[in-house]
Protein backbone atom coordinates (compact mmCIF):
# COMPACT_ATOMS: atom_id res chain seq x y z
CA UNK A 1 -35.91 -8.39 -0.85
CA UNK A 2 -38.39 -5.85 -1.03
CA UNK A 3 -37.53 -2.40 -2.77
CA UNK A 4 -38.18 0.54 -0.13
CA UNK A 5 -38.44 3.97 -1.95
CA UNK A 6 -35.57 6.46 -0.28
CA UNK A 7 -37.64 9.25 1.71
CA UNK A 8 -36.53 11.84 4.16
CA UNK A 9 -39.05 10.60 6.88
CA UNK A 10 -38.41 9.22 10.50
CA UNK A 11 -35.01 7.29 10.46
CA UNK A 12 -33.49 9.11 8.17
CA UNK A 13 -30.53 11.54 8.71
CA UNK A 14 -28.65 13.45 6.86
CA UNK A 15 -24.89 12.32 5.75
CA UNK A 16 -22.10 15.05 7.69
CA UNK A 17 -21.03 17.71 5.29
CA UNK A 18 -17.49 16.28 5.31
CA UNK A 19 -19.05 13.86 2.76
CA UNK A 20 -18.29 16.68 0.28
CA UNK A 21 -14.54 17.37 1.16
CA UNK A 22 -13.13 16.02 -1.73
CA UNK A 23 -15.33 18.53 -4.02
CA UNK A 24 -14.73 21.46 -1.79
CA UNK A 25 -10.78 21.15 -1.45
CA UNK A 26 -11.17 20.84 -5.66
CA UNK A 27 -12.63 24.53 -5.54
CA UNK A 28 -10.98 25.78 -2.70
CA UNK A 29 -8.77 27.44 -4.44
CA UNK A 30 -10.15 29.02 -7.23
CA UNK A 31 -13.14 30.92 -5.34
CA UNK A 32 -12.75 30.92 -1.54
CA UNK A 33 -8.67 31.25 -0.75
CA UNK A 34 -8.81 34.37 -3.19
CA UNK A 35 -11.83 36.25 -1.18
CA UNK A 36 -10.14 35.26 2.29
CA UNK A 37 -6.78 36.90 0.83
CA UNK A 38 -8.84 39.84 -0.48
CA UNK A 39 -10.81 40.42 2.64
CA UNK A 40 -7.59 39.85 4.82
CA UNK A 41 -5.60 42.26 2.82
CA UNK A 42 -8.49 45.19 3.10
CA UNK A 43 -8.80 44.91 -1.05
CA UNK A 44 -11.97 44.46 -2.45
CA UNK A 45 -12.64 41.39 -4.26
CA UNK A 46 -13.91 40.92 -7.77
CA UNK A 47 -17.77 40.42 -8.57
CA UNK A 48 -16.06 37.23 -10.21
CA UNK A 49 -15.18 35.81 -6.92
CA UNK A 50 -18.25 36.78 -4.95
CA UNK A 51 -20.28 35.30 -7.27
CA UNK A 52 -18.18 32.35 -7.76
CA UNK A 53 -18.39 31.88 -3.93
CA UNK A 54 -22.58 32.68 -3.49
CA UNK A 55 -22.84 30.00 -5.86
CA UNK A 56 -20.73 27.55 -4.59
CA UNK A 57 -22.10 27.75 -1.08
CA UNK A 58 -25.73 27.65 -2.63
CA UNK A 59 -24.58 24.77 -4.44
CA UNK A 60 -23.03 22.60 -1.45
CA UNK A 61 -26.40 23.94 0.87
CA UNK A 62 -28.63 22.49 -2.03
CA UNK A 63 -26.03 19.31 -1.84
CA UNK A 64 -25.92 18.29 1.73
CA UNK A 65 -30.17 19.21 2.33
CA UNK A 66 -30.37 16.25 -0.62
CA UNK A 67 -27.98 13.87 1.39
CA UNK A 68 -29.29 11.06 3.40
CA UNK A 69 -28.47 7.95 5.18
CA UNK A 70 -30.99 5.63 6.68
CA UNK A 71 -30.26 1.75 8.37
CA UNK A 72 -33.01 -0.72 7.46
CA UNK A 73 -33.65 -4.65 8.80
CA UNK A 74 -31.60 -5.76 5.89
CA UNK A 75 -30.09 -2.85 4.27
CA UNK A 76 -28.08 0.26 4.63
CA UNK A 77 -29.39 3.08 2.46
CA UNK A 78 -27.37 6.37 1.43
CA UNK A 79 -28.15 8.64 -0.89
CA UNK A 80 -26.34 11.80 -2.28
CA UNK A 81 -26.09 13.87 -5.73
CA UNK A 82 -28.01 16.90 -6.77
CA UNK A 83 -28.26 16.97 -10.55
CA UNK A 84 -27.59 13.13 -10.77
CA UNK A 85 -28.93 11.37 -7.54
CA UNK A 86 -27.24 8.31 -6.60
CA UNK A 87 -28.52 5.76 -4.20
CA UNK A 88 -26.34 3.42 -2.54
CA UNK A 89 -28.17 -0.18 -1.20
CA UNK A 90 -25.66 -2.21 0.87
CA UNK A 91 -27.15 -5.76 2.32
CA UNK A 92 -26.10 -6.03 5.70
CA UNK A 93 -25.38 -9.56 4.91
CA UNK A 94 -22.38 -8.41 3.46
CA UNK A 95 -21.33 -6.40 6.11
CA UNK A 96 -18.24 -7.93 6.80
CA UNK A 97 -16.23 -5.82 8.60
CA UNK A 98 -17.95 -2.74 10.57
CA UNK A 99 -15.97 -0.05 11.36
CA UNK A 100 -16.60 3.19 13.05
CA UNK A 101 -13.78 5.90 13.15
CA UNK A 102 -13.15 8.99 14.73
CA UNK A 103 -10.40 11.69 13.72
CA UNK A 104 -9.55 14.91 15.11
CA UNK A 105 -11.06 16.87 12.42
CA UNK A 106 -14.39 14.57 12.61
CA UNK A 107 -14.55 15.30 16.90
CA UNK A 108 -14.17 18.99 16.15
CA UNK A 109 -17.28 18.89 13.66
CA UNK A 110 -18.89 16.40 15.69
CA UNK A 111 -18.85 13.85 12.94
CA UNK A 112 -17.93 9.82 12.87
CA UNK A 113 -17.11 7.56 10.13
CA UNK A 114 -18.82 4.78 9.30
CA UNK A 115 -17.91 2.10 6.91
CA UNK A 116 -20.13 -1.39 6.50
CA UNK A 117 -17.38 -3.12 5.40
CA UNK A 118 -19.62 -4.53 1.87
CA UNK A 119 -16.92 -5.40 -0.71
CA UNK A 120 -19.22 -3.47 -2.83
CA UNK A 121 -18.34 -0.39 -1.23
CA UNK A 122 -14.93 -0.47 -1.83
CA UNK A 123 -13.12 1.52 0.97
CA UNK A 124 -15.53 4.41 0.99
CA UNK A 125 -16.33 5.85 4.16
CA UNK A 126 -19.71 7.65 5.07
CA UNK A 127 -19.49 10.51 7.45
CA UNK A 128 -22.52 11.35 9.58
CA UNK A 129 -23.10 13.20 12.44
CA UNK A 130 -21.84 11.71 15.86
CA UNK A 131 -25.41 11.28 17.81
CA UNK A 132 -27.46 9.29 14.67
CA UNK A 133 -24.06 7.09 13.58
CA UNK A 134 -24.74 3.26 13.44
CA UNK A 135 -23.02 1.17 16.70
CA UNK A 136 -20.42 -1.11 15.89
CA UNK A 137 -21.40 -4.52 18.09
CA UNK A 138 -19.15 -4.53 20.90
CA UNK A 139 -18.99 -8.13 23.16
CA UNK A 140 -20.80 -8.58 26.49
CA UNK A 141 -18.19 -8.30 28.77
CA UNK A 142 -15.11 -4.78 28.03
CA UNK A 143 -12.72 -7.25 29.50
CA UNK A 144 -10.17 -6.14 26.22
CA UNK A 145 -6.88 -7.92 26.07
CA UNK A 146 -3.88 -4.95 24.90
CA UNK A 147 -1.07 -5.59 22.60
CA UNK A 148 2.36 -5.16 23.86
CA UNK A 149 3.08 -1.17 23.05
CA UNK A 150 7.18 -1.95 23.00
CA UNK A 151 6.38 -4.80 20.53
CA UNK A 152 4.06 -3.00 18.28
CA UNK A 153 6.21 0.11 17.98
CA UNK A 154 9.14 -2.60 17.28
CA UNK A 155 6.86 -4.36 14.61
CA UNK A 156 5.61 -0.99 13.27
CA UNK A 157 9.58 0.10 13.11
CA UNK A 158 10.59 -2.97 11.23
CA UNK A 159 7.78 -3.41 8.53
CA UNK A 160 7.58 0.76 7.54
CA UNK A 161 7.92 1.85 4.15
CA UNK A 162 10.11 4.19 3.22
CA UNK A 163 8.42 4.33 -0.26
CA UNK A 164 4.74 4.56 1.32
CA UNK A 165 6.28 7.40 3.46
CA UNK A 166 7.62 9.17 0.54
CA UNK A 167 4.41 8.95 -1.49
CA UNK A 168 2.57 10.93 1.81
CA UNK A 169 4.77 13.47 1.63
CA UNK A 170 4.65 14.26 -2.05
CA UNK A 171 0.58 14.39 -1.70
CA UNK A 172 1.30 16.76 1.35
CA UNK A 173 3.46 19.20 -0.51
CA UNK A 174 1.30 19.17 -3.56
CA UNK A 175 -1.92 19.78 -1.29
CA UNK A 176 0.09 22.78 0.42
CA UNK A 177 0.67 24.45 -3.00
CA UNK A 178 -2.41 23.75 -4.40
CA UNK A 179 -3.71 25.63 -1.15
CA UNK A 180 -1.43 28.00 -0.20
CA UNK A 181 0.49 28.97 -3.64
CA UNK A 182 3.76 27.54 -4.81
CA UNK A 183 6.15 30.20 -3.38
CA UNK A 184 4.90 28.88 0.61
CA UNK A 185 5.77 25.74 -0.61
CA UNK A 186 9.13 26.58 -2.54
CA UNK A 187 10.02 28.02 1.22
CA UNK A 188 9.35 24.79 2.99
CA UNK A 189 11.31 22.43 0.41
CA UNK A 190 14.34 25.36 0.55
CA UNK A 191 14.25 25.11 4.65
CA UNK A 192 14.35 21.34 4.75
CA UNK A 193 17.54 21.20 2.43
CA UNK A 194 19.22 24.00 4.55
CA UNK A 195 18.44 21.61 7.15
CA UNK A 196 20.16 18.57 5.79
CA UNK A 197 22.56 20.43 4.40
CA UNK A 198 23.81 21.84 7.73
CA UNK A 199 22.93 18.23 9.41
CA UNK A 200 25.24 16.32 6.79
CA UNK A 201 28.59 18.64 6.95
CA UNK A 202 31.41 16.24 6.49
CA UNK A 203 29.25 13.87 4.37
CA UNK A 204 29.28 13.19 1.08
CA UNK A 205 26.39 14.64 -0.71
CA UNK A 206 25.27 11.64 -2.67
CA UNK A 207 25.44 9.32 0.72
CA UNK A 208 23.47 12.58 2.73
CA UNK A 209 20.72 12.58 0.18
CA UNK A 210 20.18 8.58 -0.26
CA UNK A 211 20.34 8.83 3.50
CA UNK A 212 18.07 11.63 4.57
CA UNK A 213 15.55 10.98 2.12
CA UNK A 214 15.00 7.18 3.10
CA UNK A 215 15.14 8.44 6.80
CA UNK A 216 12.53 10.67 6.02
CA UNK A 217 10.20 8.17 4.42
CA UNK A 218 10.57 5.53 6.92
CA UNK A 219 9.94 8.51 9.69
CA UNK A 220 6.95 9.38 8.02
CA UNK A 221 5.66 5.71 7.78
CA UNK A 222 6.66 4.80 11.08
CA UNK A 223 4.37 8.08 12.49
CA UNK A 224 1.54 7.17 10.04
CA UNK A 225 1.32 3.19 11.09
CA UNK A 226 1.89 4.12 14.63
CA UNK A 227 -0.90 6.43 15.33
CA UNK A 228 -3.59 4.41 13.23
CA UNK A 229 -2.45 1.32 15.55
CA UNK A 230 -1.54 2.04 18.82
CA UNK A 231 -2.93 1.15 21.73
CA UNK A 232 -4.38 -1.54 20.20
CA UNK A 233 -6.89 -4.04 22.07
CA UNK A 234 -9.07 -6.92 21.18
CA UNK A 235 -11.49 -9.69 22.05
CA UNK A 236 -12.86 -12.58 20.92
CA UNK A 237 -16.31 -13.67 21.63
CA UNK A 238 -17.41 -16.93 19.84
CA UNK A 239 -17.02 -16.26 15.32
CA UNK A 240 -16.79 -12.40 16.00
CA UNK A 241 -13.76 -10.48 17.01
CA UNK A 242 -13.78 -7.02 18.51
CA UNK A 243 -10.99 -4.28 18.07
CA UNK A 244 -10.38 -0.46 19.45
CA UNK A 245 -7.26 0.60 17.97
CA UNK A 246 -5.57 4.12 16.85
CA UNK A 247 -5.39 7.38 18.32
CA UNK A 248 -5.51 9.30 14.86
CA UNK A 249 -8.00 8.33 13.95
CA UNK A 250 -9.36 6.18 16.57
CA UNK A 251 -11.26 3.35 15.24
CA UNK A 252 -13.91 0.44 16.73
CA UNK A 253 -14.46 -2.08 14.19
CA UNK A 254 -15.84 -5.80 14.61
CA UNK A 255 -15.31 -8.86 11.93
CA UNK A 256 -16.74 -12.19 11.66
CA UNK A 257 -13.69 -14.93 11.73
CA UNK A 258 -15.61 -16.99 9.24
CA UNK A 259 -16.24 -14.03 6.93
CA UNK A 260 -12.13 -14.20 6.52
CA UNK A 261 -10.87 -15.65 3.13
CA UNK A 262 -7.50 -16.12 4.72
CA UNK A 263 -5.71 -15.36 7.72
CA UNK A 264 -1.97 -14.70 7.29
CA UNK A 265 1.23 -13.39 9.52
CA UNK A 266 3.66 -11.56 7.99
CA UNK A 267 7.65 -11.56 9.44
CA UNK A 268 11.02 -9.32 8.25
CA UNK A 269 14.15 -10.91 8.43
CA UNK A 270 14.49 -8.69 11.95
CA UNK A 271 11.28 -10.23 13.28
CA UNK A 272 12.07 -13.69 12.61
CA UNK A 273 15.01 -13.74 14.16
CA UNK A 274 12.95 -11.54 17.33
CA UNK A 275 10.00 -14.17 16.89
CA UNK A 276 7.24 -11.28 16.04
CA UNK A 277 4.45 -11.74 14.09
CA UNK A 278 2.19 -9.22 12.23
CA UNK A 279 -1.51 -10.83 11.96
CA UNK A 280 -3.89 -9.86 9.04
CA UNK A 281 -6.63 -11.13 7.77
CA UNK A 282 -8.32 -10.90 4.26
CA UNK A 283 -11.98 -10.31 3.68
CA UNK A 284 -14.00 -12.31 1.10
CA UNK A 285 -14.48 -9.81 -2.20
CA UNK A 286 -10.88 -7.68 -1.28
CA UNK A 287 -10.35 -5.70 2.11
CA UNK A 288 -7.65 -6.36 4.49
CA UNK A 289 -8.07 -6.45 8.18
CA UNK A 290 -5.19 -6.56 11.07
CA UNK A 291 -5.64 -8.64 13.44
CA UNK A 292 -2.85 -7.69 15.75
CA UNK A 293 0.33 -5.94 15.42
CA UNK A 294 2.78 -8.15 17.15
CA UNK A 295 1.71 -11.45 18.15
CA UNK A 296 4.68 -13.11 20.17
CA UNK A 297 5.83 -16.12 22.04
CA UNK A 298 2.80 -14.94 24.93
CA UNK A 299 0.51 -15.59 22.27
CA UNK A 300 0.89 -19.21 21.65
CA UNK A 301 -2.65 -19.64 21.77
CA UNK A 302 -3.33 -17.44 18.42
CA UNK A 303 0.22 -18.51 16.94
CA UNK A 304 -1.11 -22.39 17.30
CA UNK A 305 -4.23 -21.32 15.44
CA UNK A 306 -1.75 -20.37 12.08
CA UNK A 307 0.25 -23.46 12.41
CA UNK A 308 -1.07 -27.04 11.65
CA UNK A 309 -0.74 -29.48 14.72
CA UNK A 310 1.42 -32.25 12.72
CA UNK A 311 4.96 -31.03 11.70
CA UNK A 312 5.19 -33.24 8.62
CA UNK A 313 3.59 -31.28 5.40
CA UNK A 314 2.16 -32.38 2.51
CA UNK A 315 4.20 -30.35 0.52
CA UNK A 316 7.51 -29.04 0.20
CA UNK A 317 10.31 -27.76 -2.33
CA UNK A 318 11.89 -30.52 -4.10
CA UNK A 319 15.15 -31.55 -1.84
CA UNK A 320 17.43 -30.38 -4.89
CA UNK A 321 15.63 -27.02 -5.73
CA UNK A 322 18.66 -24.99 -3.22
CA UNK A 323 19.89 -23.84 -6.53
CA UNK A 324 16.80 -22.45 -8.07
CA UNK A 325 16.42 -20.74 -4.75
CA UNK A 326 19.52 -19.52 -4.72
CA UNK A 327 21.14 -18.37 -8.38
CA UNK A 328 19.32 -14.81 -8.81
CA UNK A 329 20.62 -13.71 -5.78
CA UNK A 330 23.87 -14.45 -6.19
CA UNK A 331 23.70 -13.96 -9.38
CA UNK A 332 22.69 -10.31 -8.33
CA UNK A 333 25.76 -10.24 -6.24
CA UNK A 334 28.39 -10.99 -9.04
CA UNK A 335 27.10 -8.71 -10.95
CA UNK A 336 27.18 -5.84 -8.49
CA UNK A 337 30.80 -7.11 -8.07
CA UNK A 338 31.81 -6.64 -12.01
CA UNK A 339 30.01 -3.21 -11.93
CA UNK A 340 32.11 -2.63 -8.57
CA UNK A 341 35.31 -3.78 -10.60
CA UNK A 342 34.62 -2.03 -13.94
CA UNK A 343 32.21 1.21 -13.66
CA UNK A 344 32.89 2.52 -11.03
CA UNK A 345 36.65 4.06 -11.86
CA UNK A 346 34.47 6.15 -14.77
CA UNK A 347 31.79 6.79 -12.66
CA UNK A 348 33.45 8.35 -9.46
CA UNK A 349 30.41 9.95 -8.21
CA UNK A 350 28.80 6.43 -7.20
CA UNK A 351 31.64 5.33 -5.28
CA UNK A 352 30.12 6.43 -2.06
CA UNK A 353 26.66 5.10 -2.64
CA UNK A 354 27.73 1.77 -4.20
CA UNK A 355 28.22 -0.15 -0.95
CA UNK A 356 24.59 0.27 0.17
CA UNK A 357 23.69 -1.69 -2.93
CA UNK A 358 24.84 -4.89 -1.71
CA UNK A 359 22.45 -4.71 1.65
CA UNK A 360 19.48 -5.74 -0.61
CA UNK A 361 21.30 -8.22 -2.42
CA UNK A 362 22.40 -9.93 0.76
CA UNK A 363 18.91 -9.82 2.19
CA UNK A 364 17.32 -11.05 -0.53
CA UNK A 365 19.97 -14.37 -0.20
CA UNK A 366 18.85 -14.60 3.28
CA UNK A 367 14.94 -14.77 2.24
CA UNK A 368 15.66 -17.09 -0.36
CA UNK A 369 17.46 -19.42 1.65
CA UNK A 370 14.94 -19.06 4.22
CA UNK A 371 12.38 -20.08 1.70
CA UNK A 372 14.05 -22.82 0.77
CA UNK A 373 13.83 -24.69 4.58
CA UNK A 374 10.39 -23.05 5.15
CA UNK A 375 8.36 -23.73 2.33
CA UNK A 376 5.55 -26.01 3.19
CA UNK A 377 1.72 -26.56 2.65
CA UNK A 378 -0.77 -29.03 4.61
CA UNK A 379 -4.35 -29.90 4.75
CA UNK A 380 -5.42 -30.46 8.36
CA UNK A 381 -9.12 -30.35 10.35
CA UNK A 382 -10.77 -29.00 6.67
CA UNK A 383 -8.10 -26.08 6.61
CA UNK A 384 -5.21 -25.37 4.41
CA UNK A 385 -2.18 -24.22 6.05
CA UNK A 386 1.08 -22.49 4.03
CA UNK A 387 4.21 -20.93 4.68
CA UNK A 388 6.33 -19.55 2.35
CA UNK A 389 8.17 -16.16 0.93
CA UNK A 390 7.14 -12.73 -0.48
CA UNK A 391 10.29 -10.73 -1.69
CA UNK A 392 11.53 -9.54 1.42
CA UNK A 393 9.03 -11.00 4.15
CA UNK A 394 8.02 -14.72 5.01
CA UNK A 395 4.45 -15.47 5.51
CA UNK A 396 2.32 -18.46 7.35
CA UNK A 397 -1.54 -18.09 6.11
CA UNK A 398 -4.41 -20.20 7.00
CA UNK A 399 -7.02 -20.59 4.08
CA UNK A 400 -10.44 -22.26 4.60
CA UNK A 401 -10.95 -24.27 1.16
CA UNK A 402 -14.51 -22.05 0.93
CA UNK A 403 -12.55 -19.30 0.03
CA UNK A 404 -10.27 -21.18 -2.28
CA UNK A 405 -11.34 -19.90 -6.10
CA UNK A 406 -8.59 -21.47 -7.95
CA UNK A 407 -5.38 -23.01 -8.21
CA UNK A 408 -2.10 -22.19 -10.60
CA UNK A 409 0.45 -24.44 -11.83
CA UNK A 410 3.11 -22.09 -13.19
CA UNK A 411 6.31 -23.26 -14.96
CA UNK A 412 9.29 -21.72 -16.39
CA UNK A 413 11.39 -23.23 -19.05
CA UNK A 414 13.89 -24.46 -16.59
CA UNK A 415 10.54 -26.10 -14.25
CA UNK A 416 9.52 -27.92 -17.58
CA UNK A 417 12.62 -30.14 -17.66
CA UNK A 418 12.82 -30.49 -14.03
CA UNK A 419 9.46 -31.45 -13.65
CA UNK A 420 8.81 -28.82 -10.78
CA UNK A 421 6.38 -25.72 -10.74
CA UNK A 422 5.28 -22.84 -8.60
CA UNK A 423 1.37 -23.45 -6.97
CA UNK A 424 -0.38 -20.52 -6.59
CA UNK A 425 -3.08 -20.68 -4.36
CA UNK A 426 -5.87 -17.74 -5.18
CA UNK A 427 -8.95 -17.03 -2.81
CA UNK A 428 -11.15 -14.80 -2.60
CA UNK A 429 -9.59 -12.15 -1.20
CA UNK A 430 -8.00 -10.97 -4.30
CA UNK A 431 -4.62 -10.70 -6.00
CA UNK A 432 -3.08 -9.36 -2.51
CA UNK A 433 -4.27 -12.73 -0.99
CA UNK A 434 -2.86 -15.16 -3.50
CA UNK A 435 0.11 -17.34 -2.08
CA UNK A 436 2.82 -18.88 -3.85
CA UNK A 437 4.74 -21.89 -2.93
CA UNK A 438 8.27 -22.42 -5.42
CA UNK A 439 9.72 -24.88 -6.86
CA UNK A 440 7.46 -28.17 -5.86
CA UNK A 441 7.42 -31.32 -7.81
CA UNK A 442 4.64 -30.82 -9.97
CA UNK A 443 2.52 -34.70 -9.81
CA UNK A 444 2.91 -33.93 -5.96
CA UNK A 445 1.34 -30.48 -6.15
CA UNK A 446 -1.45 -31.83 -8.29
CA UNK A 447 -2.48 -34.89 -6.63
CA UNK A 448 -2.59 -32.75 -3.47
CA UNK A 449 -4.86 -30.09 -4.97
CA UNK A 450 -7.00 -33.17 -6.47
CA UNK A 451 -7.37 -35.14 -2.99
CA UNK A 452 -8.05 -32.12 -0.53
CA UNK A 453 -9.53 -29.53 -2.64
CA UNK A 454 -11.14 -31.24 -5.30
CA UNK A 455 -9.29 -29.21 -7.85
CA UNK A 456 -8.35 -31.98 -10.89
CA UNK A 457 -5.87 -31.37 -13.49
CA UNK A 458 -5.40 -33.83 -15.57
CA UNK A 459 -3.80 -32.48 -18.46
CA UNK A 460 -0.67 -31.80 -20.00
CA UNK A 461 1.36 -28.57 -18.64
């Protein structure tokens, strides 16, 4: 591709000022907030505050003046920086997942966020003025299919992670304390503490604290998941999928099915009983895309795409491997019983909380038991199908051999004696798109990889 010099000429547009929001937020508490507070209170700002604020206004104006982007036949060009100029060139042939996003803040400022989906760009979004931003490909007919909102809400509720919600809350309070001061942030925390104490009257403090912490984190994660996903619409046309999803932000995207390193369906234990799946895809070079939030029996054609037509799998855990699957959850359960008998008399403050620890142990036992019965791998019609477990979730994956980057045969000391292994399939989607089958006979796994994937392992493990 012939190198093209980036100049501000026809077809070149400035990036939206929201591109510099991270830098602006860092300096906001230092100059601009003290200036606004002084003006509102009727005080006279110091020359230091006036001079710093004026200098920053000039700096951001020049920074925006030097920023720009342009779309050529083969690439996306982006330019930024004042003292250190940076030009980013993203080839269109690697634009795997085109996305266009509009949040309420962007809508009020006339901006739209654009991401080419090129692996080299990571997760960077480029804010542009709405009227000039590139368009995401659309299908010829706008007859999108719509996901069931009740099922999608149920799927989001069952997959919401309280830890991610607590992390978002932590970031929020840190931002509040940096922008509004620690005194206002402390008032918010105190108000929340008083409300929890009022609601939790008559409940042991330890259980109340943990329960409200868990529930608050889950509620935040559920709200974020719901706003980002629903309503969800999709359409398939040839080798391309088109999506429209979310309220905050509202997103349009397009992806080529052939660019997926792997496609996988996830289930938690309640989702398995209800027959609901979350379908996701992992792009070559990294990146994740939600293909459907709540596949069910009505989407049988999509479900069949994830499973081989023949029911007899090529690989399964060894018939006597049930003990290898179950010994760890049983050991954890027995350890909790022993701690309850020996330690609780000396640690009375843990008595109300301790029964809650048995719930993850029982869940873990159920998942390992399902892993023993459901784990399998098959090679059918040039595609690898694999089912297995990931701690507290079940997965069913479809992988193109062209995207498999490596095979690992892992053995712990017990597996070396029994002749079994943990089969790890590595793909172009990165470490998040690795798939494991536990306690597979080593000789069968090696023979399967050699015959179907042309990956030989003629060596002593």
